[in-house]
Protein backbone atom coordinates (compact mmCIF):
# COMPACT_ATOMS: atom_id res chain seq x y z
CA MET A 1 26.13 2.22 -9.01
CA ILE A 2 22.33 2.06 -9.07
CA MET A 3 20.54 5.17 -7.85
CA ALA A 4 17.84 4.54 -5.28
CA LEU A 5 14.40 5.61 -6.39
CA SER A 6 12.62 8.42 -4.58
CA TYR A 7 9.16 8.13 -6.18
CA LEU A 8 7.01 5.44 -7.76
CA LYS A 9 4.22 5.61 -10.27
CA LEU A 10 1.16 3.89 -8.82
CA THR A 11 -1.80 2.98 -11.03
CA VAL A 12 -5.12 1.64 -9.74
CA GLY A 13 -7.55 0.96 -12.59
CA PRO A 14 -7.65 4.25 -14.56
CA PHE A 15 -6.21 6.35 -11.68
CA VAL A 16 -2.54 7.35 -11.68
CA PHE A 17 -0.67 8.55 -8.59
CA GLU A 18 2.87 9.49 -7.69
CA ALA A 19 4.10 8.21 -4.34
CA ARG A 20 7.23 9.00 -2.34
CA LEU A 21 9.23 6.13 -0.89
CA GLU A 22 9.68 6.72 2.86
CA ARG A 23 13.35 5.68 2.81
CA GLU A 24 14.40 7.39 6.05
CA LYS A 25 11.55 5.89 8.07
CA ALA A 26 11.22 2.46 6.41
CA PRO A 27 14.54 1.79 4.63
CA GLU A 28 14.36 -2.02 4.65
CA THR A 29 10.75 -2.14 3.43
CA CYS A 30 11.56 0.31 0.62
CA ARG A 31 14.71 -1.58 -0.40
CA ILE A 32 12.93 -4.93 -0.55
CA PHE A 33 9.80 -3.58 -2.27
CA GLU A 34 11.99 -1.96 -4.93
CA SER A 35 13.46 -5.35 -5.78
CA PHE A 36 9.97 -6.51 -6.87
CA LEU A 37 9.36 -3.61 -9.29
CA PRO A 38 7.41 -3.51 -11.44
CA PHE A 39 4.87 -5.00 -9.03
CA ARG A 40 1.45 -5.85 -10.43
CA ASN A 41 -1.56 -7.39 -8.72
CA GLN A 42 -5.21 -6.61 -7.99
CA ALA A 43 -6.62 -4.25 -5.38
CA ILE A 44 -9.88 -5.03 -3.63
CA HIS A 45 -11.80 -3.02 -1.07
CA SER A 46 -10.73 -3.61 2.52
CA ARG A 47 -13.01 -5.72 4.65
CA TRP A 48 -12.24 -4.29 8.07
CA SER A 49 -10.04 -1.23 7.63
CA GLY A 50 -12.50 1.46 6.59
CA GLU A 51 -11.77 3.67 3.59
CA ALA A 52 -8.91 1.67 2.12
CA VAL A 53 -8.14 -0.81 -0.63
CA TRP A 54 -5.81 -3.72 -0.11
CA VAL A 55 -3.73 -6.25 -1.97
CA PRO A 56 -3.83 -9.64 -0.23
CA LEU A 57 -0.53 -11.51 -0.63
CA GLY A 58 -1.31 -14.67 1.35
CA ASP A 59 1.68 -16.49 2.79
CA PHE A 60 4.20 -14.52 0.71
CA GLN A 61 7.35 -13.98 2.75
CA PHE A 62 8.30 -10.37 2.05
CA GLY A 63 11.42 -10.45 4.21
CA ALA A 64 11.04 -7.15 6.10
CA GLY A 65 10.32 -6.78 9.78
CA PHE A 66 8.32 -3.99 11.37
CA GLU A 67 9.52 -0.41 10.85
CA ASN A 68 7.61 2.88 10.78
CA HIS A 69 4.50 0.79 11.50
CA THR A 70 1.09 2.20 12.26
CA ALA A 71 -2.50 1.03 12.63
CA HIS A 72 -3.83 4.50 11.71
CA PRO A 73 -2.73 5.40 8.18
CA SER A 74 -3.52 8.84 6.83
CA ARG A 75 -5.24 9.43 3.52
CA GLY A 76 -2.71 8.54 0.78
CA ASP A 77 -0.50 6.34 3.00
CA ILE A 78 0.45 2.89 1.75
CA LEU A 79 1.36 0.23 4.30
CA LEU A 80 2.94 -3.19 4.02
CA TYR A 81 1.95 -5.77 6.61
CA PRO A 82 4.80 -8.31 6.52
CA GLY A 83 2.67 -11.16 7.88
CA GLY A 84 2.36 -12.84 11.23
CA PHE A 85 -1.10 -12.63 12.82
CA SER A 86 -2.75 -12.18 9.43
CA GLU A 87 -1.68 -12.69 5.84
CA THR A 88 0.92 -10.52 4.13
CA GLU A 89 -0.79 -7.55 2.46
CA LEU A 90 -0.59 -3.99 1.20
CA LEU A 91 -3.08 -1.40 2.46
CA PHE A 92 -3.74 1.85 0.57
CA ALA A 93 -5.81 4.34 2.61
CA TYR A 94 -8.02 6.68 0.59
CA GLY A 95 -9.85 8.15 3.59
CA SER A 96 -10.48 7.42 7.27
CA SER A 97 -9.16 4.03 8.22
CA GLN A 98 -7.80 1.87 10.98
CA PHE A 99 -5.77 -1.09 9.76
CA ALA A 100 -7.44 -4.31 10.88
CA SER A 101 -8.16 -7.92 9.99
CA LYS A 102 -10.40 -10.67 11.33
CA MET A 103 -7.67 -11.10 13.97
CA GLY A 104 -8.12 -7.48 15.15
CA VAL A 105 -6.07 -4.31 14.76
CA LEU A 106 -2.84 -4.65 12.75
CA ALA A 107 0.14 -2.35 12.25
CA GLY A 108 1.75 -2.08 8.84
CA ASN A 109 4.95 -0.45 7.64
CA HIS A 110 4.19 2.99 6.18
CA PHE A 111 6.60 2.98 3.25
CA LEU A 112 4.86 5.02 0.52
CA THR A 113 2.98 8.34 0.59
CA VAL A 114 0.92 9.72 -2.31
CA THR A 115 2.35 13.09 -3.38
CA LYS A 116 0.47 13.63 -6.66
CA GLY A 117 -3.07 12.64 -7.55
CA ALA A 118 -4.51 12.86 -4.02
CA GLU A 119 -7.62 14.54 -5.43
CA GLN A 120 -8.44 11.17 -7.08
CA LEU A 121 -8.20 9.05 -3.92
CA GLU A 122 -11.90 9.10 -3.01
CA ALA A 123 -12.99 8.31 -6.58
CA MET A 124 -10.47 5.45 -6.75
CA GLY A 125 -11.71 3.98 -3.48
CA LYS A 126 -15.37 4.23 -4.47
CA MET A 127 -14.63 2.60 -7.82
CA VAL A 128 -12.99 -0.38 -6.10
CA LEU A 129 -15.88 -0.54 -3.59
CA TRP A 130 -18.69 -0.46 -6.16
CA GLN A 131 -17.08 -1.99 -9.25
CA GLY A 132 -14.84 -4.60 -7.65
CA ALA A 133 -11.20 -5.61 -8.03
CA GLN A 134 -8.98 -3.30 -10.08
CA ASP A 135 -5.53 -3.84 -11.49
CA ILE A 136 -2.82 -2.16 -9.42
CA ALA A 137 0.75 -1.48 -10.54
CA PHE A 138 3.78 0.01 -8.81
CA GLU A 139 6.48 1.11 -11.25
CA ALA A 140 9.75 3.03 -11.20
CA MET A 141 9.49 6.59 -12.51
């Protein structure tokens, strides 16, 4: 029997965070995301969402519907937008944000919450803003 993970290691450029999987609130999103671990891509600064970085995933069919979705993530919340009105994407809020796209306000599944490293969030966001795309990795702990 495989034990379900409770936390992931999240790395953005040189910044390392620990994030809790929100299994009770977003069980399907967590289960599916886990199947892609380790997940590596690039994070860029959000265009419309305020203080957040995002990982555009284009037409990728993630397979989860909406659960625990919000348009107003808190600092350290990570959302998955499963696609529909806009492309599939991950949004990682490092400060004040409202999830949006060129289509307008979006709601994404809040499935991860930073529990360690929150003091680095602002520096991470500013680095992505001023220095451009950074490698991002989600890994089992």
